Amino acid sequence: MVNKYKRNCIADSLKDYCLLSKEGDSIEITEWANGEGYDISISGCWNKAFSITHGEFKAMKRLIKTLRKEPGERIK
């Protein structure tokens, strides 16, 4: 059986987010049909594509926040 889905997708230029981006560089994020994660495609000098679950995304945000914190600062 073939299944057909409509999925949420959003795209934007990288120029407002990345100092190293060039004209035409972009990012596109598509929510999985089951709603449990995202497919992410970044086009530019180095094209990248990967998939990530909500849990992996949450862990990544937390770890980046921890990397950026000042010594003695508490993480919320």
N, C-alpha and C. Protein backbone atom coordinates (compact mmCIF):
# COMPACT_ATOMS: atom_id res chain seq x y z
N MET A 1 0.84 -1.18 0.00
CA MET A 1 0.00 0.00 0.00
C MET A 1 0.89 1.24 0.00
N VAL A 2 0.54 2.19 -0.81
CA VAL A 2 1.25 3.46 -0.88
C VAL A 2 0.51 4.48 -0.02
N ASN A 3 1.27 5.17 0.82
CA ASN A 3 0.68 6.22 1.66
C ASN A 3 1.12 7.58 1.15
N LYS A 4 0.22 8.52 1.16
CA LYS A 4 0.51 9.88 0.73
C LYS A 4 0.28 10.80 1.93
N TYR A 5 1.25 11.70 2.20
CA TYR A 5 1.17 12.58 3.35
C TYR A 5 1.35 14.03 2.94
N LYS A 6 0.77 14.91 3.71
CA LYS A 6 1.08 16.34 3.65
C LYS A 6 1.86 16.63 4.92
N ARG A 7 3.05 17.22 4.76
CA ARG A 7 3.90 17.48 5.92
C ARG A 7 4.18 18.97 6.04
N ASN A 8 4.35 19.42 7.28
CA ASN A 8 4.71 20.82 7.52
C ASN A 8 6.17 21.03 7.16
N CYS A 9 6.43 22.13 6.46
CA CYS A 9 7.78 22.44 6.02
C CYS A 9 7.98 23.96 6.08
N ILE A 10 9.19 24.36 6.46
CA ILE A 10 9.51 25.78 6.50
C ILE A 10 10.94 25.96 5.98
N ALA A 11 11.19 27.06 5.31
CA ALA A 11 12.52 27.33 4.75
C ALA A 11 12.86 28.80 4.92
N ASP A 12 14.17 29.09 4.99
CA ASP A 12 14.61 30.47 5.13
C ASP A 12 16.04 30.60 4.62
N SER A 13 16.41 31.81 4.30
CA SER A 13 17.78 32.12 3.92
C SER A 13 18.65 32.07 5.17
N LEU A 14 19.90 31.66 5.02
CA LEU A 14 20.82 31.61 6.16
C LEU A 14 21.47 32.96 6.46
N LYS A 15 21.26 33.95 5.60
CA LYS A 15 21.97 35.22 5.73
C LYS A 15 21.74 35.92 7.07
N ASP A 16 20.57 35.74 7.69
CA ASP A 16 20.29 36.38 8.98
C ASP A 16 20.77 35.56 10.17
N TYR A 17 21.28 34.36 9.93
CA TYR A 17 21.66 33.45 11.01
C TYR A 17 23.15 33.12 11.04
N CYS A 18 23.81 33.14 9.90
CA CYS A 18 25.18 32.64 9.80
C CYS A 18 26.07 33.64 9.08
N LEU A 19 27.12 34.07 9.77
CA LEU A 19 28.06 35.04 9.18
C LEU A 19 28.81 34.46 7.99
N LEU A 20 28.94 33.14 7.93
CA LEU A 20 29.70 32.50 6.85
C LEU A 20 28.84 32.18 5.63
N SER A 21 27.54 32.46 5.71
CA SER A 21 26.66 32.12 4.59
C SER A 21 26.86 33.08 3.42
N LYS A 22 26.49 32.58 2.27
CA LYS A 22 26.57 33.37 1.04
C LYS A 22 25.17 33.52 0.46
N GLU A 23 25.04 34.39 -0.50
CA GLU A 23 23.76 34.59 -1.18
C GLU A 23 23.26 33.25 -1.72
N GLY A 24 22.02 32.92 -1.43
CA GLY A 24 21.42 31.68 -1.91
C GLY A 24 21.52 30.52 -0.94
N ASP A 25 22.32 30.64 0.13
CA ASP A 25 22.40 29.58 1.14
C ASP A 25 21.09 29.55 1.92
N SER A 26 20.60 28.37 2.21
CA SER A 26 19.29 28.28 2.86
C SER A 26 19.20 27.06 3.77
N ILE A 27 18.16 27.05 4.58
CA ILE A 27 17.84 25.92 5.45
C ILE A 27 16.37 25.58 5.25
N GLU A 28 16.07 24.29 5.26
CA GLU A 28 14.69 23.81 5.14
C GLU A 28 14.46 22.75 6.20
N ILE A 29 13.38 22.88 6.95
CA ILE A 29 13.04 21.92 8.00
C ILE A 29 11.66 21.36 7.70
N THR A 30 11.58 20.04 7.64
CA THR A 30 10.32 19.35 7.35
C THR A 30 9.98 18.42 8.51
N GLU A 31 8.78 18.58 9.05
CA GLU A 31 8.34 17.72 10.15
C GLU A 31 8.00 16.33 9.61
N TRP A 32 8.39 15.30 10.33
CA TRP A 32 8.07 13.93 9.92
C TRP A 32 6.56 13.74 9.88
N ALA A 33 6.10 12.86 9.03
CA ALA A 33 4.67 12.58 8.91
C ALA A 33 4.08 12.08 10.23
N ASN A 34 4.88 11.35 11.03
CA ASN A 34 4.39 10.84 12.31
C ASN A 34 4.56 11.86 13.44
N GLY A 35 5.14 13.03 13.13
CA GLY A 35 5.27 14.11 14.11
C GLY A 35 6.35 13.91 15.15
N GLU A 36 7.20 12.89 15.00
CA GLU A 36 8.19 12.57 16.03
C GLU A 36 9.57 13.16 15.80
N GLY A 37 9.74 13.95 14.73
CA GLY A 37 11.05 14.54 14.48
C GLY A 37 11.05 15.38 13.22
N TYR A 38 12.26 15.69 12.74
CA TYR A 38 12.42 16.59 11.61
C TYR A 38 13.49 16.09 10.64
N ASP A 39 13.32 16.42 9.38
CA ASP A 39 14.36 16.29 8.37
C ASP A 39 14.88 17.71 8.13
N ILE A 40 16.19 17.88 8.20
CA ILE A 40 16.79 19.20 8.06
C ILE A 40 17.76 19.18 6.89
N SER A 41 17.60 20.14 6.01
CA SER A 41 18.47 20.26 4.84
C SER A 41 19.07 21.66 4.81
N ILE A 42 20.39 21.73 4.76
CA ILE A 42 21.09 23.01 4.71
C ILE A 42 21.87 23.04 3.40
N SER A 43 21.55 24.02 2.58
CA SER A 43 22.26 24.13 1.30
C SER A 43 23.14 25.36 1.31
N GLY A 44 24.35 25.17 0.87
CA GLY A 44 25.31 26.25 0.84
C GLY A 44 26.63 25.71 0.36
N CYS A 45 27.72 26.24 0.91
CA CYS A 45 29.06 25.80 0.52
C CYS A 45 29.21 24.29 0.75
N TRP A 46 28.76 23.82 1.91
CA TRP A 46 28.73 22.39 2.21
C TRP A 46 27.28 22.01 2.42
N ASN A 47 26.74 21.22 1.53
CA ASN A 47 25.36 20.77 1.68
C ASN A 47 25.29 19.71 2.77
N LYS A 48 24.28 19.84 3.63
CA LYS A 48 24.10 18.90 4.73
C LYS A 48 22.64 18.51 4.79
N ALA A 49 22.39 17.26 5.14
CA ALA A 49 21.02 16.80 5.37
C ALA A 49 21.07 15.77 6.49
N PHE A 50 20.16 15.91 7.45
CA PHE A 50 20.10 14.95 8.54
C PHE A 50 18.70 14.93 9.12
N SER A 51 18.44 13.88 9.89
CA SER A 51 17.15 13.73 10.57
C SER A 51 17.40 13.73 12.06
N ILE A 52 16.44 14.25 12.82
CA ILE A 52 16.61 14.34 14.27
C ILE A 52 15.24 14.19 14.95
N THR A 53 15.20 13.42 16.03
CA THR A 53 13.96 13.26 16.79
C THR A 53 13.79 14.44 17.73
N HIS A 54 12.59 14.58 18.30
CA HIS A 54 12.35 15.65 19.27
C HIS A 54 13.28 15.49 20.47
N GLY A 55 13.49 14.25 20.94
CA GLY A 55 14.37 14.01 22.08
C GLY A 55 15.81 14.37 21.78
N GLU A 56 16.29 14.03 20.59
CA GLU A 56 17.65 14.39 20.19
C GLU A 56 17.81 15.90 20.09
N PHE A 57 16.79 16.57 19.56
CA PHE A 57 16.82 18.03 19.45
C PHE A 57 16.86 18.67 20.83
N LYS A 58 16.05 18.15 21.76
CA LYS A 58 16.03 18.67 23.13
C LYS A 58 17.39 18.49 23.79
N ALA A 59 18.00 17.32 23.62
CA ALA A 59 19.32 17.06 24.19
C ALA A 59 20.37 18.00 23.60
N MET A 60 20.33 18.20 22.30
CA MET A 60 21.28 19.07 21.63
C MET A 60 21.16 20.51 22.16
N LYS A 61 19.93 21.02 22.29
CA LYS A 61 19.73 22.38 22.80
C LYS A 61 20.28 22.51 24.22
N ARG A 62 20.02 21.49 25.05
CA ARG A 62 20.48 21.53 26.44
C ARG A 62 22.01 21.52 26.51
N LEU A 63 22.64 20.67 25.71
CA LEU A 63 24.10 20.59 25.73
C LEU A 63 24.74 21.87 25.21
N ILE A 64 24.17 22.48 24.19
CA ILE A 64 24.70 23.75 23.68
C ILE A 64 24.55 24.84 24.73
N LYS A 65 23.41 24.85 25.41
CA LYS A 65 23.18 25.83 26.48
C LYS A 65 24.23 25.64 27.58
N THR A 66 24.55 24.39 27.91
CA THR A 66 25.54 24.09 28.93
C THR A 66 26.93 24.56 28.48
N LEU A 67 27.27 24.34 27.21
CA LEU A 67 28.56 24.81 26.69
C LEU A 67 28.71 26.32 26.80
N ARG A 68 27.63 27.05 26.61
CA ARG A 68 27.66 28.52 26.59
C ARG A 68 27.58 29.16 27.96
N LYS A 69 27.25 28.38 28.97
CA LYS A 69 27.04 28.98 30.30
C LYS A 69 28.35 29.43 30.92
N GLU A 70 28.23 30.42 31.76
CA GLU A 70 29.37 30.92 32.51
C GLU A 70 29.62 30.01 33.70
N PRO A 71 30.87 29.92 34.19
CA PRO A 71 31.14 29.10 35.38
C PRO A 71 30.26 29.55 36.55
N GLY A 72 29.64 28.61 37.22
CA GLY A 72 28.77 28.90 38.35
C GLY A 72 27.34 29.23 37.98
N GLU A 73 27.05 29.48 36.70
CA GLU A 73 25.70 29.79 36.25
C GLU A 73 24.87 28.51 36.24
N ARG A 74 23.63 28.61 36.70
CA ARG A 74 22.73 27.45 36.73
C ARG A 74 21.99 27.32 35.41
N ILE A 75 21.80 26.09 34.97
CA ILE A 75 21.05 25.80 33.75
C ILE A 75 19.61 25.52 34.12
N LYS A 76 18.67 26.18 33.44
CA LYS A 76 17.24 25.99 33.72
C LYS A 76 16.69 24.88 32.88
